C-alpha atoms as a PDB file:
ATOM      1  CA  MET A   1      38.941 -18.870 -16.184  1.00  0.00           C
ATOM      2  CA  GLN A   2      38.267 -21.839 -13.275  1.00  0.00           C
ATOM      3  CA  THR A   3      35.916 -20.882 -10.716  1.00  0.00           C
ATOM      4  CA  ASN A   4      36.766 -21.595  -7.200  1.00  0.00           C
ATOM      5  CA  ILE A   5      33.822 -23.309  -5.581  1.00  0.00           C
ATOM      6  CA  LYS A   6      34.051 -23.845  -1.602  1.00  0.00           C
ATOM      7  CA  ILE A   7      31.487 -26.692  -0.600  1.00  0.00           C
ATOM      8  CA  HIS A   8      30.907 -26.539   3.472  1.00  0.00           C
ATOM      9  CA  SER A   9      28.867 -26.823   6.248  1.00  0.00           C
ATOM     10  CA  LEU A  10      25.925 -24.212   7.061  1.00  0.00           C
ATOM     11  CA  ALA A  11      26.326 -24.490  10.659  1.00  0.00           C
ATOM     12  CA  HIS A  12      27.554 -20.688  10.989  1.00  0.00           C
ATOM     13  CA  VAL A  13      25.552 -19.166   7.925  1.00  0.00           C
ATOM     14  CA  ASP A  14      23.986 -15.817   8.265  1.00  0.00           C
ATOM     15  CA  LEU A  15      20.281 -16.736   8.325  1.00  0.00           C
ATOM     16  CA  GLU A  16      19.610 -13.414   6.274  1.00  0.00           C
ATOM     17  CA  GLU A  17      22.118 -14.130   3.522  1.00  0.00           C
ATOM     18  CA  LEU A  18      20.777 -17.758   3.253  1.00  0.00           C
ATOM     19  CA  SER A  19      16.945 -16.797   3.177  1.00  0.00           C
ATOM     20  CA  ALA A  20      18.056 -13.980   0.415  1.00  0.00           C
ATOM     21  CA  LEU A  21      19.751 -16.813  -1.546  1.00  0.00           C
ATOM     22  CA  TYR A  22      16.594 -19.130  -1.206  1.00  0.00           C
ATOM     23  CA  ASN A  23      14.281 -16.462  -2.513  1.00  0.00           C
ATOM     24  CA  LEU A  24      16.407 -15.753  -5.284  1.00  0.00           C
ATOM     25  CA  SER A  25      16.791 -19.286  -6.327  1.00  0.00           C
ATOM     26  CA  TYR A  26      12.946 -19.847  -6.505  1.00  0.00           C
ATOM     27  CA  GLN A  27      11.937 -16.841  -7.802  1.00  0.00           C
ATOM     28  CA  ASN A  28      11.457 -18.248 -11.285  1.00  0.00           C
ATOM     29  CA  TYR A  29      10.870 -21.665 -10.118  1.00  0.00           C
ATOM     30  CA  TYR A  30       7.612 -23.574 -11.467  1.00  0.00           C
ATOM     31  CA  ILE A  31       5.783 -22.223  -8.268  1.00  0.00           C
ATOM     32  CA  SER A  32       7.351 -18.855  -7.342  1.00  0.00           C
ATOM     33  CA  ILE A  33       8.534 -19.059  -3.707  1.00  0.00           C
ATOM     34  CA  HIS A  34       9.261 -15.872  -1.332  1.00  0.00           C
ATOM     35  CA  LEU A  35       9.644 -15.978   2.180  1.00  0.00           C
ATOM     36  CA  SER A  36      10.161 -13.266   4.738  1.00  0.00           C
ATOM     37  CA  LEU A  37      13.056 -13.716   7.143  1.00  0.00           C
ATOM     38  CA  ASP A  38      10.435 -14.875   9.955  1.00  0.00           C
ATOM     39  CA  GLN A  39       8.611 -17.378   7.686  1.00  0.00           C
ATOM     40  CA  PHE A  40      11.667 -18.632   6.453  1.00  0.00           C
ATOM     41  CA  LYS A  41      13.114 -19.287  10.164  1.00  0.00           C
ATOM     42  CA  GLY A  42       9.346 -20.870  10.392  1.00  0.00           C
ATOM     43  CA  LYS A  43      10.384 -23.306   7.460  1.00  0.00           C
ATOM     44  CA  LEU A  44      13.760 -24.218   9.156  1.00  0.00           C
ATOM     45  CA  LYS A  45      11.333 -25.271  12.447  1.00  0.00           C
ATOM     46  CA  MET A  46       8.713 -26.804  11.224  1.00  0.00           C
ATOM     47  CA  GLU A  47      10.788 -29.122   8.630  1.00  0.00           C
ATOM     48  CA  ASP A  48      13.462 -29.875  11.523  1.00  0.00           C
ATOM     49  CA  ILE A  49      16.068 -28.347   9.350  1.00  0.00           C
ATOM     50  CA  ASN A  50      19.523 -28.731  10.746  1.00  0.00           C
ATOM     51  CA  LEU A  51      21.991 -26.401   9.824  1.00  0.00           C
ATOM     52  CA  ASP A  52      24.856 -28.856  10.845  1.00  0.00           C
ATOM     53  CA  TYR A  53      23.835 -31.146   8.247  1.00  0.00           C
ATOM     54  CA  SER A  54      22.938 -28.330   5.886  1.00  0.00           C
ATOM     55  CA  ILE A  55      25.509 -27.479   2.965  1.00  0.00           C
ATOM     56  CA  GLY A  56      26.291 -24.341   1.031  1.00  0.00           C
ATOM     57  CA  ALA A  57      28.677 -23.589  -1.901  1.00  0.00           C
ATOM     58  CA  SER A  58      30.515 -20.313  -1.874  1.00  0.00           C
ATOM     59  CA  ILE A  59      32.366 -18.537  -4.142  1.00  0.00           C
ATOM     60  CA  ASP A  60      35.129 -15.910  -3.258  1.00  0.00           C
ATOM     61  CA  GLY A  61      33.109 -15.927   0.429  1.00  0.00           C
ATOM     62  CA  LYS A  62      29.830 -15.359  -0.946  1.00  0.00           C
ATOM     63  CA  LEU A  63      27.119 -18.082  -0.916  1.00  0.00           C
ATOM     64  CA  VAL A  64      25.960 -19.186  -4.194  1.00  0.00           C
ATOM     65  CA  GLY A  65      24.234 -22.315  -3.404  1.00  0.00           C
ATOM     66  CA  PHE A  66      22.382 -24.202  -0.585  1.00  0.00           C
ATOM     67  CA  LEU A  67      21.163 -27.599   0.646  1.00  0.00           C
ATOM     68  CA  LEU A  68      19.008 -27.914   3.614  1.00  0.00           C
ATOM     69  CA  TYR A  69      18.528 -31.011   5.346  1.00  0.00           C
ATOM     70  CA  GLY A  70      15.892 -31.820   7.954  1.00  0.00           C
ATOM     71  CA  ILE A  71      16.836 -34.805  10.339  1.00  0.00           C
ATOM     72  CA  ARG A  72      14.426 -37.279  11.921  1.00  0.00           C
ATOM     73  CA  ASN A  73      14.002 -40.496  13.565  1.00  0.00           C
ATOM     74  CA  ASN A  74      11.021 -42.021  12.006  1.00  0.00           C
ATOM     75  CA  ALA A  75      10.179 -45.435  13.255  1.00  0.00           C
ATOM     76  CA  GLY A  76      13.449 -45.974  14.899  1.00  0.00           C
ATOM     77  CA  ILE A  77      15.108 -45.279  11.488  1.00  0.00           C
ATOM     78  CA  LYS A  78      17.318 -41.766  11.301  1.00  0.00           C
ATOM     79  CA  THR A  79      16.045 -40.071   8.137  1.00  0.00           C
ATOM     80  CA  ALA A  80      16.775 -37.239   6.096  1.00  0.00           C
ATOM     81  CA  TYR A  81      14.635 -34.689   4.300  1.00  0.00           C
ATOM     82  CA  ILE A  82      16.009 -32.264   1.670  1.00  0.00           C
ATOM     83  CA  GLY A  83      14.018 -29.009   2.428  1.00  0.00           C
ATOM     84  CA  GLY A  84      15.371 -26.959  -0.346  1.00  0.00           C
ATOM     85  CA  THR A  85      18.079 -26.935  -2.818  1.00  0.00           C
ATOM     86  CA  GLY A  86      19.179 -23.502  -4.561  1.00  0.00           C
ATOM     87  CA  VAL A  87      21.973 -21.936  -6.595  1.00  0.00           C
ATOM     88  CA  CYS A  88      22.535 -18.575  -7.637  1.00  0.00           C
ATOM     89  CA  PRO A  89      20.900 -17.937 -11.082  1.00  0.00           C
ATOM     90  CA  THR A  90      24.429 -16.726 -12.503  1.00  0.00           C
ATOM     91  CA  HIS A  91      26.343 -19.672 -11.324  1.00  0.00           C
ATOM     92  CA  ARG A  92      23.959 -22.744 -12.626  1.00  0.00           C
ATOM     93  CA  GLY A  93      25.148 -25.086 -14.857  1.00  0.00           C
ATOM     94  CA  LYS A  94      28.050 -25.863 -12.794  1.00  0.00           C
ATOM     95  CA  LYS A  95      27.194 -28.714 -11.110  1.00  0.00           C
ATOM     96  CA  ILE A  96      26.895 -27.243  -8.085  1.00  0.00           C
ATOM     97  CA  THR A  97      23.838 -28.885  -6.581  1.00  0.00           C
ATOM     98  CA  GLN A  98      25.757 -32.391  -7.528  1.00  0.00           C
ATOM     99  CA  GLN A  99      28.741 -31.348  -5.955  1.00  0.00           C
ATOM    100  CA  MET A 100      26.972 -30.307  -2.443  1.00  0.00           C
ATOM    101  CA  LEU A 101      24.906 -33.973  -2.590  1.00  0.00           C
ATOM    102  CA  ASP A 102      28.053 -35.559  -2.917  1.00  0.00           C
ATOM    103  CA  PHE A 103      29.954 -33.590  -0.116  1.00  0.00           C
ATOM    104  CA  SER A 104      27.054 -34.274   2.075  1.00  0.00           C
ATOM    105  CA  PHE A 105      26.520 -38.286   1.750  1.00  0.00           C
ATOM    106  CA  PRO A 106      29.504 -39.387   4.030  1.00  0.00           C
ATOM    107  CA  LYS A 107      28.516 -37.319   7.009  1.00  0.00           C
ATOM    108  CA  LEU A 108      24.959 -38.493   6.935  1.00  0.00           C
ATOM    109  CA  LYS A 109      26.306 -41.942   6.651  1.00  0.00           C
ATOM    110  CA  GLU A 110      28.719 -41.275   9.373  1.00  0.00           C
ATOM    111  CA  SER A 111      25.709 -40.185  11.494  1.00  0.00           C
ATOM    112  CA  HIS A 112      23.696 -43.269  10.865  1.00  0.00           C
ATOM    113  CA  VAL A 113      21.291 -41.721   8.423  1.00  0.00           C
ATOM    114  CA  LYS A 114      19.599 -44.399   6.468  1.00  0.00           C
ATOM    115  CA  ASN A 115      17.012 -42.589   4.077  1.00  0.00           C
ATOM    116  CA  ILE A 116      16.961 -39.471   2.286  1.00  0.00           C
ATOM    117  CA  PHE A 117      13.626 -37.927   0.729  1.00  0.00           C
ATOM    118  CA  LEU A 118      12.687 -34.727  -1.569  1.00  0.00           C
ATOM    119  CA  GLU A 119      10.459 -33.093  -3.764  1.00  0.00           C
ATOM    120  CA  VAL A 120      10.926 -32.160  -6.982  1.00  0.00           C
ATOM    121  CA  ASN A 121       8.307 -30.499  -9.351  1.00  0.00           C
ATOM    122  CA  THR A 122       7.524 -33.291 -12.198  1.00  0.00           C
ATOM    123  CA  GLN A 123       8.657 -31.163 -15.089  1.00  0.00           C
ATOM    124  CA  ASN A 124      12.035 -30.435 -13.561  1.00  0.00           C
ATOM    125  CA  ASP A 125      13.942 -32.826 -15.613  1.00  0.00           C
ATOM    126  CA  PHE A 126      17.420 -31.369 -15.079  1.00  0.00           C
ATOM    127  CA  ALA A 127      16.865 -31.632 -11.150  1.00  0.00           C
ATOM    128  CA  ILE A 128      15.469 -35.017 -11.683  1.00  0.00           C
ATOM    129  CA  ASN A 129      18.352 -36.360 -13.638  1.00  0.00           C
ATOM    130  CA  ALA A 130      20.711 -34.813 -11.453  1.00  0.00           C
ATOM    131  CA  TYR A 131      19.076 -36.401  -8.421  1.00  0.00           C
ATOM    132  CA  GLU A 132      18.776 -39.814 -10.176  1.00  0.00           C
ATOM    133  CA  ALA A 133      22.276 -39.668 -11.023  1.00  0.00           C
ATOM    134  CA  CYS A 134      23.098 -39.357  -7.212  1.00  0.00           C
ATOM    135  CA  GLY A 135      21.041 -42.723  -6.436  1.00  0.00           C
ATOM    136  CA  PHE A 136      17.552 -41.189  -5.799  1.00  0.00           C
ATOM    137  CA  LYS A 137      14.411 -43.007  -7.063  1.00  0.00           C
ATOM    138  CA  LYS A 138      11.031 -41.574  -7.471  1.00  0.00           C
ATOM    139  CA  THR A 139       8.793 -43.390  -4.730  1.00  0.00           C
ATOM    140  CA  ARG A 140       5.293 -41.125  -5.306  1.00  0.00           C
ATOM    141  CA  THR A 141       3.485 -38.869  -7.060  1.00  0.00           C
ATOM    142  CA  LEU A 142       2.380 -35.773  -4.803  1.00  0.00           C
ATOM    143  CA  ASN A 143      -0.687 -33.422  -6.136  1.00  0.00           C
ATOM    144  CA  SER A 144      -1.384 -29.787  -4.653  1.00  0.00           C
ATOM    145  CA  TYR A 145      -4.436 -28.110  -4.723  1.00  0.00           C
ATOM    146  CA  LYS A 146      -5.765 -24.779  -3.906  1.00  0.00           C
ATOM    147  CA  GLY A 147      -9.157 -22.562  -4.123  1.00  0.00           C
ATOM    148  CA  ILE A 148     -12.342 -21.774  -2.175  1.00  0.00           C
ATOM    149  CA  PRO A 149     -14.468 -24.749  -1.449  1.00  0.00           C
ATOM    150  CA  ILE A 150     -17.911 -25.207  -2.806  1.00  0.00           C
ATOM    151  CA  LEU A 151     -19.942 -26.742   0.062  1.00  0.00           C
ATOM    152  CA  VAL A 152     -23.393 -27.775  -0.333  1.00  0.00           C
ATOM    153  CA  VAL A 153     -23.969 -30.018   2.755  1.00  0.00           C
ATOM    154  CA  ASN A 154     -25.690 -29.036   5.811  1.00  0.00           C
ATOM    155  CA  PRO A 155     -23.671 -29.112   9.013  1.00  0.00           C
ATOM    156  CA  LEU A 156     -25.347 -31.745  11.242  1.00  0.00           C
ATOM    157  CA  HIS A 157     -22.402 -32.262  13.286  1.00  0.00           C
ATOM    158  CA  GLU A 158     -20.741 -29.926  15.618  1.00  0.00           C
ATOM    159  CA  ILE A 159     -16.898 -29.008  14.637  1.00  0.00           C
ATOM    160  CA  VAL A 160     -15.081 -28.865  18.050  1.00  0.00           C
ATOM    161  CA  ASP A 161     -11.506 -27.868  18.432  1.00  0.00           C
ATOM    162  CA  PHE A 162      -9.110 -30.150  20.401  1.00  0.00           C
ATOM    163  CA  GLU A 163      -5.096 -30.214  21.220  1.00  0.00           C
ATOM    164  CA  ASP A 164      -4.613 -33.788  21.848  1.00  0.00           C
ATOM    165  CA  LEU A 165      -2.557 -34.908  18.760  1.00  0.00           C
ATOM    166  CA  ASN A 166      -2.555 -38.732  19.967  1.00  0.00           C
ATOM    167  CA  LEU A 167      -5.802 -39.029  18.845  1.00  0.00           C
ATOM    168  CA  ILE A 168      -5.079 -38.842  15.534  1.00  0.00           C
ATOM    169  CA  THR A 169      -3.408 -42.697  14.441  1.00  0.00           C
ATOM    170  CA  GLY A 170      -2.530 -43.836  11.514  1.00  0.00           C
ATOM    171  CA  GLU A 171      -4.423 -47.119  12.029  1.00  0.00           C
ATOM    172  CA  ASN A 172      -7.832 -45.304  12.394  1.00  0.00           C
ATOM    173  CA  PHE A 173      -7.576 -42.400   9.916  1.00  0.00           C
ATOM    174  CA  TRP A 174      -4.441 -43.013   7.192  1.00  0.00           C
ATOM    175  CA  ASP A 175      -3.993 -44.836   4.049  1.00  0.00           C
ATOM    176  CA  ILE A 176      -1.109 -43.738   3.359  1.00  0.00           C
ATOM    177  CA  LYS A 177       1.444 -42.037   5.418  1.00  0.00           C
ATOM    178  CA  PRO A 178       1.745 -38.314   5.066  1.00  0.00           C
ATOM    179  CA  THR A 179       4.879 -36.455   3.754  1.00  0.00           C
ATOM    180  CA  TRP A 180       7.490 -34.912   5.636  1.00  0.00           C
ATOM    181  CA  LYS A 181       5.988 -31.146   5.428  1.00  0.00           C
ATOM    182  CA  ASN A 182       2.412 -32.523   6.534  1.00  0.00           C
ATOM    183  CA  ASP A 183       3.777 -34.938   9.148  1.00  0.00           C
ATOM    184  CA  ILE A 184       2.290 -34.877  12.640  1.00  0.00           C
ATOM    185  CA  GLN A 185       5.706 -33.934  13.878  1.00  0.00           C
ATOM    186  CA  SER A 186       5.946 -30.737  11.500  1.00  0.00           C
ATOM    187  CA  VAL A 187       2.615 -29.770  13.126  1.00  0.00           C
ATOM    188  CA  LYS A 188       4.108 -30.038  16.626  1.00  0.00           C
ATOM    189  CA  ASN A 189       6.953 -27.971  15.582  1.00  0.00           C
ATOM    190  CA  ILE A 190       4.643 -25.230  14.765  1.00  0.00           C
ATOM    191  CA  ILE A 191       1.571 -26.147  17.167  1.00  0.00           C
ATOM    192  CA  ASP A 192       0.878 -22.714  17.906  1.00  0.00           C
ATOM    193  CA  ASN A 193       0.064 -21.621  14.520  1.00  0.00           C
ATOM    194  CA  CYS A 194      -2.331 -24.389  13.733  1.00  0.00           C
ATOM    195  CA  GLN A 195      -5.809 -24.816  14.486  1.00  0.00           C
ATOM    196  CA  ILE A 196      -6.955 -28.753  15.226  1.00  0.00           C
ATOM    197  CA  ASN A 197     -10.843 -29.792  15.102  1.00  0.00           C
ATOM    198  CA  GLY A 198     -12.871 -32.462  14.488  1.00  0.00           C
ATOM    199  CA  ILE A 199     -16.098 -34.171  14.477  1.00  0.00           C
ATOM    200  CA  TYR A 200     -16.813 -36.605  17.420  1.00  0.00           C
ATOM    201  CA  GLU A 201     -19.634 -39.067  17.710  1.00  0.00           C
ATOM    202  CA  ASP A 202     -20.310 -41.106  20.917  1.00  0.00           C
ATOM    203  CA  GLY A 203     -17.120 -39.758  22.466  1.00  0.00           C
ATOM    204  CA  ILE A 204     -15.008 -41.161  19.482  1.00  0.00           C
ATOM    205  CA  LEU A 205     -12.983 -38.675  17.392  1.00  0.00           C
ATOM    206  CA  VAL A 206     -14.180 -39.445  13.465  1.00  0.00           C
ATOM    207  CA  ALA A 207     -12.979 -36.855  11.447  1.00  0.00           C
ATOM    208  CA  TYR A 208     -10.307 -33.991  11.923  1.00  0.00           C
ATOM    209  CA  LYS A 209      -8.333 -31.796  10.092  1.00  0.00           C
ATOM    210  CA  ILE A 210      -5.191 -29.542  11.149  1.00  0.00           C
ATOM    211  CA  ILE A 211      -4.915 -25.904   9.380  1.00  0.00           C
ATOM    212  CA  ASN A 212      -2.350 -23.176   9.637  1.00  0.00           C
ATOM    213  CA  LYS A 213      -4.623 -20.414  11.135  1.00  0.00           C
ATOM    214  CA  ASN A 214      -2.013 -17.726   9.367  1.00  0.00           C
ATOM    215  CA  ASN A 215      -2.117 -18.969   5.636  1.00  0.00           C
ATOM    216  CA  THR A 216      -5.336 -21.527   5.706  1.00  0.00           C
ATOM    217  CA  ARG A 217      -3.119 -24.219   4.490  1.00  0.00           C
ATOM    218  CA  ILE A 218      -4.569 -27.852   5.441  1.00  0.00           C
ATOM    219  CA  TYR A 219      -1.564 -30.056   6.724  1.00  0.00           C
ATOM    220  CA  GLN A 220      -3.697 -33.219   7.183  1.00  0.00           C
ATOM    221  CA  PHE A 221      -7.643 -34.398   7.463  1.00  0.00           C
ATOM    222  CA  GLY A 222      -8.983 -37.294   7.788  1.00  0.00           C
ATOM    223  CA  VAL A 223     -12.268 -39.682   8.460  1.00  0.00           C
ATOM    224  CA  HIS A 224     -11.829 -42.660  10.615  1.00  0.00           C
ATOM    225  CA  HIS A 225     -12.033 -45.923   8.556  1.00  0.00           C
ATOM    226  CA  ASP A 226     -15.094 -47.134  10.629  1.00  0.00           C
ATOM    227  CA  TYR A 227     -16.991 -43.963   9.597  1.00  0.00           C
ATOM    228  CA  ARG A 228     -16.584 -43.631   6.107  1.00  0.00           C
ATOM    229  CA  ASN A 229     -18.980 -42.770   3.088  1.00  0.00           C
ATOM    230  CA  ARG A 230     -21.277 -40.557   5.375  1.00  0.00           C
ATOM    231  CA  TYR A 231     -20.312 -37.071   4.408  1.00  0.00           C
ATOM    232  CA  LEU A 232     -18.268 -36.305   7.518  1.00  0.00           C
ATOM    233  CA  ALA A 233     -15.542 -34.639   5.380  1.00  0.00           C
ATOM    234  CA  SER A 234     -17.720 -32.450   3.617  1.00  0.00           C
ATOM    235  CA  ILE A 235     -19.177 -31.448   7.047  1.00  0.00           C
ATOM    236  CA  LEU A 236     -15.628 -30.934   8.235  1.00  0.00           C
ATOM    237  CA  PHE A 237     -14.920 -28.342   5.639  1.00  0.00           C
ATOM    238  CA  SER A 238     -18.099 -26.438   6.423  1.00  0.00           C
ATOM    239  CA  ASP A 239     -16.379 -23.951   8.738  1.00  0.00           C
ATOM    240  CA  LEU A 240     -14.334 -22.945   5.809  1.00  0.00           C
ATOM    241  CA  LYS A 241     -16.956 -21.309   3.158  1.00  0.00           C
ATOM    242  CA  ASN A 242     -15.905 -18.481   1.496  1.00  0.00           C
ATOM    243  CA  LYS A 243     -11.931 -18.917   2.509  1.00  0.00           C
ATOM    244  CA  GLU A 244      -9.275 -19.996   0.060  1.00  0.00           C
ATOM    245  CA  ILE A 245      -7.538 -22.868   1.375  1.00  0.00           C
ATOM    246  CA  LYS A 246      -4.398 -24.734  -0.053  1.00  0.00           C
ATOM    247  CA  MET A 247      -3.490 -28.305   0.289  1.00  0.00           C
ATOM    248  CA  ILE A 248       0.164 -29.594  -0.688  1.00  0.00           C
ATOM    249  CA  ASN A 249       1.518 -33.211  -1.282  1.00  0.00           C
ATOM    250  CA  VAL A 250      -1.704 -35.418  -1.612  1.00  0.00           C
ATOM    251  CA  ASP A 251      -0.436 -38.845  -2.436  1.00  0.00           C
ATOM    252  CA  GLU A 252      -1.913 -39.415  -6.078  1.00  0.00           C
ATOM    253  CA  ARG A 253      -2.619 -43.057  -4.871  1.00  0.00           C
ATOM    254  CA  GLU A 254      -5.176 -41.596  -2.739  1.00  0.00           C
ATOM    255  CA  THR A 255      -7.784 -41.677  -5.217  1.00  0.00           C
ATOM    256  CA  SER A 256     -10.958 -40.886  -3.096  1.00  0.00           C
ATOM    257  CA  THR A 257      -9.011 -38.101  -1.362  1.00  0.00           C
ATOM    258  CA  ASN A 258      -7.879 -36.349  -4.478  1.00  0.00           C
ATOM    259  CA  ASP A 259     -11.742 -36.987  -5.816  1.00  0.00           C
ATOM    260  CA  PHE A 260     -13.055 -35.357  -2.663  1.00  0.00           C
ATOM    261  CA  ILE A 261     -10.536 -32.519  -2.886  1.00  0.00           C
ATOM    262  CA  GLN A 262     -11.688 -31.873  -6.361  1.00  0.00           C
ATOM    263  CA  SER A 263     -15.507 -32.135  -5.707  1.00  0.00           C
ATOM    264  CA  LEU A 264     -14.744 -29.162  -3.466  1.00  0.00           C
ATOM    265  CA  GLY A 265     -13.949 -27.196  -6.288  1.00  0.00           C
ATOM    266  CA  LEU A 266     -10.303 -26.788  -5.399  1.00  0.00           C
ATOM    267  CA  LYS A 267      -7.763 -26.822  -8.438  1.00  0.00           C
ATOM    268  CA  LEU A 268      -4.633 -28.627  -9.087  1.00  0.00           C
ATOM    269  CA  TYR A 269      -1.738 -26.355  -9.551  1.00  0.00           C
ATOM    270  CA  ASP A 270       1.287 -28.431  -8.774  1.00  0.00           C
ATOM    271  CA  LYS A 271       2.564 -31.991  -8.969  1.00  0.00           C
ATOM    272  CA  GLN A 272       5.679 -33.012  -7.469  1.00  0.00           C
ATOM    273  CA  TYR A 273       7.573 -36.398  -7.203  1.00  0.00           C
ATOM    274  CA  GLU A 274       8.875 -38.117  -3.756  1.00  0.00           C
ATOM    275  CA  MET A 275      12.328 -39.205  -4.070  1.00  0.00           C
ATOM    276  CA  LYS A 276      14.444 -41.486  -1.991  1.00  0.00           C
ATOM    277  CA  LYS A 277      17.946 -42.773  -1.777  1.00  0.00           C
ATOM    278  CA  GLU A 278      19.107 -45.341   0.746  1.00  0.00           C
ATOM    279  CA  LEU A 279      22.510 -44.878   2.410  1.00  0.00           C
END
């Protein structure tokens, strides 16, 4: 018996139904995910998920698949981000994800979206093959860490809270641009949940970190290019002693950053590929 699958926009979706399907889709994933309704709404807000662009799949009026799209202008280029794809376990193997992707591309093109990014677990060969069949290519490998930091350095500098995100500039602090989830725009979207602090020398911000106050996830940290190799990063983390922290999507090419995180005693628990499609 042929199944009649309807592919459609999620513009008018019931968020409770979508949230429940999201959790069902990820309950047996490589890293199990379960979000409350409020947490799910927070994810949509943080990642600029636009339900007008997002896609669903329904069978007999029941939502069985979803494709969440975030939309932003990055340096003047309209860009999309897939913040999650999922299919109800009982309806897998029907190429529903590929149908949703194919359905979404024309509208994105019409809306002048130039690039689409996503992240996928490096072990998920089935999904990787599906994305590659739709024109996505791997762009980088991302590491995720968690644990309680081991700190042996004495804090010789005061760690000061600040609010001005304009002090954090890529040319001063970054070697590689953060991923969508860790981008400054994501932080701005949930700024009330974030603590931003850093170290100053002679009125200059020389090190900083951005952390979620509710779950101690670190979105960003950095040391000014002109002030490195002075243990400032270790000092920066001294206020997190005995707290379990998490960092996701650390670019594997940032060797010194990965080495530092591992020196804190944090353990690698997940690896993902970032993939990109040009429209």
